Amino acid sequence: MDKLKSVLSGEEARRDDQNIIQQMNQASTLGWGTRIKGFIACFVVGAACTVLAVCVLFLPKIGITLFIVFYTFGNICALCSTMFLMGPMKQLKRMCDKTRALATTIMLTCLVLTLCAAFWWKNFGLALLFVILQVLSFTWYSLSYIPCVREAIMRMLAMCIK
């Protein structure tokens, strides 16, 4: 009966016009409660990894490596947690908006370069520099979601420089 209703109402033709990404997005929609639970779980894991990173920082020999891994994983979890709230496709589109494309690029590049510096290049000074850049770029990226905040910060910095 549902099939007959969809054919008669024209919904069947509209479904055929959708591309595969739209069909997958419709099939995988989560309820609001599930989205909130996913956001909280992913955000808590990210925050816990960040706190754990600071705790293991002072372990002899392996502390800095563990710090880099846990801190980077914590940032990835925190970034992914927002995908539960707005959906992955919408999040990816917003990440590539012209207002935050540069911050997104720098943030993702720093995530990758931090791990490269720690494991392939074995240069921990460079890895710590990339961690600092992660913090700054993630903060700048996060502020881009609050209207007019980045512009206000730029005005304040310009006034401080004068």
Protein backbone atom coordinates (compact mmCIF):
# COMPACT_ATOMS: atom_id res chain seq x y z
CA MET A 1 0.00 0.00 0.00
CA ASP A 2 2.84 2.39 0.85
CA LYS A 3 4.42 1.66 -2.54
CA LEU A 4 1.16 2.52 -4.31
CA LYS A 5 0.82 5.79 -2.36
CA SER A 6 4.38 6.82 -3.20
CA VAL A 7 3.88 6.08 -6.90
CA LEU A 8 0.57 7.96 -7.07
CA SER A 9 1.87 10.96 -5.14
CA GLY A 10 5.00 11.26 -7.31
CA GLU A 11 7.41 10.51 -4.49
CA GLU A 12 8.77 7.50 -6.36
CA ALA A 13 9.97 9.72 -9.23
CA ARG A 14 11.62 12.10 -6.76
CA ARG A 15 13.41 9.20 -5.07
CA ASP A 16 14.89 8.12 -8.39
CA ASP A 17 16.28 11.63 -8.96
CA GLN A 18 18.30 11.55 -5.72
CA ASN A 19 21.95 10.73 -5.93
CA ILE A 20 23.54 7.97 -3.88
CA ILE A 21 24.83 10.34 -1.17
CA GLN A 22 21.37 11.77 -0.57
CA GLN A 23 19.89 8.26 -0.38
CA MET A 24 22.56 7.19 2.11
CA ASN A 25 22.00 10.32 4.16
CA GLN A 26 18.25 9.65 4.34
CA ALA A 27 18.78 6.00 5.24
CA SER A 28 21.22 6.78 8.03
CA THR A 29 19.45 9.60 9.81
CA LEU A 30 19.55 9.40 13.57
CA GLY A 31 16.97 10.57 16.04
CA TRP A 32 17.73 13.73 18.03
CA GLY A 33 18.27 11.77 21.26
CA THR A 34 20.71 9.42 19.55
CA ARG A 35 22.57 12.38 18.06
CA ILE A 36 22.94 14.01 21.47
CA LYS A 37 24.16 10.75 23.01
CA GLY A 38 26.66 10.26 20.18
CA PHE A 39 27.88 13.84 20.52
CA ILE A 40 28.33 13.53 24.27
CA ALA A 41 30.06 10.15 24.03
CA CYS A 42 32.47 11.27 21.31
CA PHE A 43 33.16 14.60 23.03
CA VAL A 44 33.81 12.92 26.39
CA VAL A 45 36.23 10.46 24.75
CA GLY A 46 38.01 13.42 23.12
CA ALA A 47 38.20 15.36 26.38
CA ALA A 48 39.38 12.28 28.26
CA CYS A 49 42.12 11.69 25.69
CA THR A 50 43.24 15.30 26.02
CA VAL A 51 43.37 15.07 29.82
CA LEU A 52 45.16 11.73 29.57
CA ALA A 53 47.64 13.30 27.17
CA VAL A 54 48.57 15.92 29.73
CA CYS A 55 48.87 13.26 32.45
CA VAL A 56 51.29 11.08 30.46
CA LEU A 57 53.40 13.99 29.25
CA PHE A 58 55.93 13.65 32.05
CA LEU A 59 56.51 9.90 31.78
CA PRO A 60 60.14 9.13 31.05
CA LYS A 61 61.08 8.19 27.46
CA ILE A 62 57.58 7.56 26.05
CA GLY A 63 55.72 10.49 27.62
CA ILE A 64 56.02 12.89 24.71
CA THR A 65 55.00 10.25 22.17
CA LEU A 66 51.95 9.25 24.18
CA PHE A 67 51.07 12.91 24.67
CA ILE A 68 51.13 13.53 20.93
CA VAL A 69 49.03 10.45 20.15
CA PHE A 70 46.40 11.08 22.84
CA TYR A 71 46.20 14.80 22.16
CA THR A 72 45.77 14.35 18.42
CA PHE A 73 43.22 11.57 18.90
CA GLY A 74 41.36 13.80 21.38
CA ASN A 75 41.16 16.59 18.81
CA ILE A 76 39.91 14.18 16.14
CA CYS A 77 37.21 12.87 18.51
CA ALA A 78 36.15 16.40 19.45
CA LEU A 79 35.92 17.32 15.77
CA CYS A 80 33.93 14.19 14.95
CA SER A 81 31.56 14.77 17.86
CA THR A 82 30.00 17.74 16.09
CA MET A 83 29.17 15.49 13.15
CA PHE A 84 26.57 13.84 15.34
CA LEU A 85 24.77 17.14 15.83
CA MET A 86 24.53 18.28 12.23
CA GLY A 87 25.34 15.16 10.23
CA PRO A 88 28.56 14.28 8.45
CA MET A 89 27.74 15.80 5.06
CA LYS A 90 26.56 19.11 6.50
CA GLN A 91 29.61 19.22 8.77
CA LEU A 92 31.98 18.60 5.86
CA LYS A 93 30.24 21.27 3.79
CA ARG A 94 30.51 23.77 6.64
CA MET A 95 34.15 22.90 7.18
CA CYS A 96 34.80 23.86 3.56
CA ASP A 97 32.90 27.19 3.69
CA LYS A 98 34.99 30.14 2.62
CA THR A 99 35.00 31.54 6.19
CA ARG A 100 36.59 28.43 7.66
CA ALA A 101 38.32 26.68 4.76
CA LEU A 102 41.76 28.03 5.69
CA ALA A 103 41.32 27.16 9.38
CA THR A 104 40.11 23.67 8.43
CA THR A 105 43.07 23.11 6.12
CA ILE A 106 45.60 24.28 8.69
CA MET A 107 43.95 22.25 11.45
CA LEU A 108 43.85 18.99 9.47
CA THR A 109 47.37 19.55 8.16
CA CYS A 110 48.67 20.09 11.70
CA LEU A 111 46.94 16.90 12.87
CA VAL A 112 48.74 14.89 10.18
CA LEU A 113 52.08 16.70 10.55
CA THR A 114 52.07 16.19 14.32
CA LEU A 115 51.90 12.44 13.87
CA CYS A 116 54.47 12.52 11.05
CA ALA A 117 56.90 14.54 13.18
CA ALA A 118 56.51 12.16 16.10
CA PHE A 119 56.68 8.81 14.33
CA TRP A 120 58.43 9.17 10.98
CA TRP A 121 60.73 12.13 11.46
CA LYS A 122 61.22 11.49 15.21
CA ASN A 123 61.56 15.23 15.79
CA PHE A 124 59.71 15.95 19.05
CA GLY A 125 60.40 19.69 19.01
CA LEU A 126 58.66 19.92 15.65
CA ALA A 127 55.85 17.70 16.93
CA LEU A 128 55.28 20.04 19.88
CA LEU A 129 55.24 23.00 17.50
CA PHE A 130 52.53 21.25 15.50
CA VAL A 131 50.60 20.54 18.71
CA ILE A 132 50.66 24.26 19.50
CA LEU A 133 49.50 24.99 15.96
CA GLN A 134 46.73 22.39 16.46
CA VAL A 135 45.51 24.28 19.52
CA LEU A 136 45.54 27.62 17.74
CA SER A 137 43.95 26.39 14.52
CA PHE A 138 41.30 24.33 16.35
CA THR A 139 40.43 27.38 18.46
CA TRP A 140 40.24 29.60 15.39
CA TYR A 141 38.13 26.98 13.59
CA SER A 142 35.77 26.68 16.58
CA LEU A 143 35.38 30.44 16.84
CA SER A 144 34.25 30.56 13.20
CA TYR A 145 30.95 28.98 14.28
CA ILE A 146 30.15 31.90 16.60
CA PRO A 147 28.90 34.87 14.57
CA CYS A 148 31.17 37.95 14.52
CA VAL A 149 33.63 36.61 17.13
CA ARG A 150 36.60 36.26 14.80
CA GLU A 151 36.08 39.76 13.43
CA ALA A 152 35.90 41.16 16.97
CA ILE A 153 39.15 39.38 17.89
CA MET A 154 40.87 40.75 14.79
CA ARG A 155 39.71 44.30 15.70
CA MET A 156 40.99 43.88 19.27
CA LEU A 157 44.35 42.64 18.01
CA ALA A 158 44.58 45.56 15.59
CA MET A 159 43.86 47.99 18.44
CA CYS A 160 46.51 46.33 20.63
CA ILE A 161 49.12 46.59 17.90
CA LYS A 162 48.52 50.32 17.36
